[in-house]
Amino acid sequence: MGEAKASTRPGDVVLKGKLEMPIKGLDQAIRKMKELERAVAALDGDITSVSFDPNDPQSIELAIQQMETAIDERVGSYSKNDMVEGVVVELKERYRQAILDRAAAGRAAEESGS
């Protein structure tokens, strides 16, 4: 490692040498960030298309499951990365809510049309 030398003034120390202290966890953080970047790129664009009957709760649930499966397939092995997992959970919830909102809108449209 480096060495310390006394300077001409009392109390001053000059440090020379290379920094040989590894930054723990930096490699892992860099790997996780690269995986996050790849996962986000995989989720960019159209992920899947689902169809459902707004009056059939089972059909709605199946559409949600299809959407979640499509997301999981896109992120693949990156899903074990906690950073990716956070994005995936948020994305699934957002799309789940969008499906539920469309189902409610479909039911409302049918009721007002009847």
C-alpha atoms as a PDB file:
ATOM      1  CA  MET A   1       0.000   0.000   0.000  1.00  0.00           C
ATOM      2  CA  GLY A   2       1.150   3.631   0.245  1.00  0.00           C
ATOM      3  CA  GLU A   3       3.590   5.173   2.633  1.00  0.00           C
ATOM      4  CA  ALA A   4       3.445   8.199   4.881  1.00  0.00           C
ATOM      5  CA  LYS A   5       6.300  10.685   5.099  1.00  0.00           C
ATOM      6  CA  ALA A   6       6.722  13.563   7.464  1.00  0.00           C
ATOM      7  CA  SER A   7       6.837  16.968   5.801  1.00  0.00           C
ATOM      8  CA  THR A   8       8.955  19.914   6.777  1.00  0.00           C
ATOM      9  CA  ARG A   9       6.214  21.335   9.047  1.00  0.00           C
ATOM     10  CA  PRO A  10       5.398  19.545  12.274  1.00  0.00           C
ATOM     11  CA  GLY A  11       1.992  17.870  12.207  1.00  0.00           C
ATOM     12  CA  ASP A  12       1.817  17.580   8.381  1.00  0.00           C
ATOM     13  CA  VAL A  13       1.943  14.193   6.689  1.00  0.00           C
ATOM     14  CA  VAL A  14       2.369  13.558   2.963  1.00  0.00           C
ATOM     15  CA  LEU A  15       0.746  10.360   1.730  1.00  0.00           C
ATOM     16  CA  LYS A  16       2.192   8.666  -1.335  1.00  0.00           C
ATOM     17  CA  GLY A  17       1.293   5.464  -3.081  1.00  0.00           C
ATOM     18  CA  LYS A  18      -1.513   3.752  -4.931  1.00  0.00           C
ATOM     19  CA  LEU A  19      -4.982   3.315  -3.555  1.00  0.00           C
ATOM     20  CA  GLU A  20      -5.218  -0.423  -3.135  1.00  0.00           C
ATOM     21  CA  MET A  21      -8.429  -0.514  -1.175  1.00  0.00           C
ATOM     22  CA  PRO A  22     -11.148  -2.368  -3.119  1.00  0.00           C
ATOM     23  CA  ILE A  23     -14.561  -0.782  -2.972  1.00  0.00           C
ATOM     24  CA  LYS A  24     -16.684  -3.585  -1.671  1.00  0.00           C
ATOM     25  CA  GLY A  25     -19.887  -4.222  -3.536  1.00  0.00           C
ATOM     26  CA  LEU A  26     -19.064  -1.909  -6.437  1.00  0.00           C
ATOM     27  CA  ASP A  27     -18.732  -4.771  -8.930  1.00  0.00           C
ATOM     28  CA  GLN A  28     -22.056  -6.192  -7.788  1.00  0.00           C
ATOM     29  CA  ALA A  29     -23.751  -2.791  -8.035  1.00  0.00           C
ATOM     30  CA  ILE A  30     -22.404  -2.287 -11.551  1.00  0.00           C
ATOM     31  CA  ARG A  31     -23.625  -5.766 -12.568  1.00  0.00           C
ATOM     32  CA  LYS A  32     -27.077  -5.050 -11.133  1.00  0.00           C
ATOM     33  CA  MET A  33     -27.280  -1.722 -12.975  1.00  0.00           C
ATOM     34  CA  LYS A  34     -26.335  -3.389 -16.273  1.00  0.00           C
ATOM     35  CA  GLU A  35     -28.972  -6.067 -15.711  1.00  0.00           C
ATOM     36  CA  LEU A  36     -31.529  -3.373 -14.901  1.00  0.00           C
ATOM     37  CA  GLU A  37     -30.640  -1.591 -18.135  1.00  0.00           C
ATOM     38  CA  ARG A  38     -31.090  -4.821 -20.140  1.00  0.00           C
ATOM     39  CA  ALA A  39     -34.369  -5.664 -18.397  1.00  0.00           C
ATOM     40  CA  VAL A  40     -35.804  -2.196 -19.012  1.00  0.00           C
ATOM     41  CA  ALA A  41     -34.769  -2.436 -22.671  1.00  0.00           C
ATOM     42  CA  ALA A  42     -36.513  -5.827 -22.892  1.00  0.00           C
ATOM     43  CA  LEU A  43     -39.686  -4.269 -21.472  1.00  0.00           C
ATOM     44  CA  ASP A  44     -39.633  -1.347 -23.909  1.00  0.00           C
ATOM     45  CA  GLY A  45     -42.368  -1.397 -26.533  1.00  0.00           C
ATOM     46  CA  ASP A  46     -45.333  -3.743 -26.849  1.00  0.00           C
ATOM     47  CA  ILE A  47     -45.116  -6.499 -24.262  1.00  0.00           C
ATOM     48  CA  THR A  48     -48.253  -8.443 -25.112  1.00  0.00           C
ATOM     49  CA  SER A  49     -51.868  -8.044 -26.136  1.00  0.00           C
ATOM     50  CA  VAL A  50     -54.673  -9.494 -24.026  1.00  0.00           C
ATOM     51  CA  SER A  51     -58.405  -9.845 -24.577  1.00  0.00           C
ATOM     52  CA  PHE A  52     -61.073 -10.388 -21.954  1.00  0.00           C
ATOM     53  CA  ASP A  53     -64.786 -10.258 -21.280  1.00  0.00           C
ATOM     54  CA  PRO A  54     -65.411  -7.279 -18.964  1.00  0.00           C
ATOM     55  CA  ASN A  55     -68.353  -9.142 -17.397  1.00  0.00           C
ATOM     56  CA  ASP A  56     -66.399 -12.311 -16.612  1.00  0.00           C
ATOM     57  CA  PRO A  57     -64.072 -12.053 -13.580  1.00  0.00           C
ATOM     58  CA  GLN A  58     -62.324 -15.269 -14.614  1.00  0.00           C
ATOM     59  CA  SER A  59     -61.600 -13.825 -18.056  1.00  0.00           C
ATOM     60  CA  ILE A  60     -60.219 -10.648 -16.476  1.00  0.00           C
ATOM     61  CA  GLU A  61     -57.992 -12.639 -14.112  1.00  0.00           C
ATOM     62  CA  LEU A  62     -56.703 -14.735 -17.021  1.00  0.00           C
ATOM     63  CA  ALA A  63     -55.782 -11.544 -18.909  1.00  0.00           C
ATOM     64  CA  ILE A  64     -53.880 -10.297 -15.848  1.00  0.00           C
ATOM     65  CA  GLN A  65     -52.029 -13.616 -15.570  1.00  0.00           C
ATOM     66  CA  GLN A  66     -51.147 -13.520 -19.283  1.00  0.00           C
ATOM     67  CA  MET A  67     -49.766 -10.000 -18.889  1.00  0.00           C
ATOM     68  CA  GLU A  68     -47.687 -10.995 -15.840  1.00  0.00           C
ATOM     69  CA  THR A  69     -46.315 -14.063 -17.637  1.00  0.00           C
ATOM     70  CA  ALA A  70     -45.334 -11.954 -20.651  1.00  0.00           C
ATOM     71  CA  ILE A  71     -43.453  -9.516 -18.386  1.00  0.00           C
ATOM     72  CA  ASP A  72     -41.700 -12.376 -16.570  1.00  0.00           C
ATOM     73  CA  GLU A  73     -40.638 -13.901 -19.885  1.00  0.00           C
ATOM     74  CA  ARG A  74     -39.202 -10.579 -21.036  1.00  0.00           C
ATOM     75  CA  VAL A  75     -37.042 -10.029 -17.954  1.00  0.00           C
ATOM     76  CA  GLY A  76     -36.023 -13.689 -17.687  1.00  0.00           C
ATOM     77  CA  SER A  77     -33.108 -14.356 -15.373  1.00  0.00           C
ATOM     78  CA  TYR A  78     -32.839 -10.680 -14.413  1.00  0.00           C
ATOM     79  CA  SER A  79     -35.903 -11.106 -12.202  1.00  0.00           C
ATOM     80  CA  LYS A  80     -33.599 -12.232  -9.353  1.00  0.00           C
ATOM     81  CA  ASN A  81     -32.053  -8.747  -9.364  1.00  0.00           C
ATOM     82  CA  ASP A  82     -33.756  -6.691  -6.638  1.00  0.00           C
ATOM     83  CA  MET A  83     -33.583  -3.535  -8.769  1.00  0.00           C
ATOM     84  CA  VAL A  84     -35.302  -5.322 -11.661  1.00  0.00           C
ATOM     85  CA  GLU A  85     -37.816  -6.891  -9.294  1.00  0.00           C
ATOM     86  CA  GLY A  86     -38.919  -3.431  -8.142  1.00  0.00           C
ATOM     87  CA  VAL A  87     -39.525  -2.309 -11.727  1.00  0.00           C
ATOM     88  CA  VAL A  88     -41.368  -5.545 -12.543  1.00  0.00           C
ATOM     89  CA  VAL A  89     -43.656  -5.299  -9.507  1.00  0.00           C
ATOM     90  CA  GLU A  90     -44.540  -1.699 -10.344  1.00  0.00           C
ATOM     91  CA  LEU A  91     -45.117  -2.480 -14.023  1.00  0.00           C
ATOM     92  CA  LYS A  92     -47.331  -5.481 -13.257  1.00  0.00           C
ATOM     93  CA  GLU A  93     -49.421  -3.424 -10.847  1.00  0.00           C
ATOM     94  CA  ARG A  94     -49.796  -0.607 -13.375  1.00  0.00           C
ATOM     95  CA  TYR A  95     -50.928  -3.000 -16.133  1.00  0.00           C
ATOM     96  CA  ARG A  96     -53.157  -4.938 -13.724  1.00  0.00           C
ATOM     97  CA  GLN A  97     -54.908  -1.706 -12.808  1.00  0.00           C
ATOM     98  CA  ALA A  98     -55.222  -0.758 -16.498  1.00  0.00           C
ATOM     99  CA  ILE A  99     -56.938  -4.084 -17.235  1.00  0.00           C
ATOM    100  CA  LEU A 100     -59.297  -3.645 -14.276  1.00  0.00           C
ATOM    101  CA  ASP A 101     -60.077  -0.065 -15.361  1.00  0.00           C
ATOM    102  CA  ARG A 102     -60.839  -1.173 -18.921  1.00  0.00           C
ATOM    103  CA  ALA A 103     -63.070  -3.951 -17.636  1.00  0.00           C
ATOM    104  CA  ALA A 104     -64.985  -1.445 -15.480  1.00  0.00           C
ATOM    105  CA  ALA A 105     -65.274   0.952 -18.415  1.00  0.00           C
ATOM    106  CA  GLY A 106     -66.520  -1.891 -20.630  1.00  0.00           C
ATOM    107  CA  ARG A 107     -69.189  -2.821 -18.100  1.00  0.00           C
ATOM    108  CA  ALA A 108     -70.223   0.818 -17.704  1.00  0.00           C
ATOM    109  CA  ALA A 109     -70.479   1.241 -21.466  1.00  0.00           C
ATOM    110  CA  GLU A 110     -72.655  -1.871 -21.742  1.00  0.00           C
ATOM    111  CA  GLU A 111     -74.908  -0.671 -18.905  1.00  0.00           C
ATOM    112  CA  SER A 112     -75.390   2.771 -20.380  1.00  0.00           C
ATOM    113  CA  GLY A 113     -76.002   1.306 -23.836  1.00  0.00           C
ATOM    114  CA  SER A 114     -78.736  -1.031 -22.583  1.00  0.00           C
END
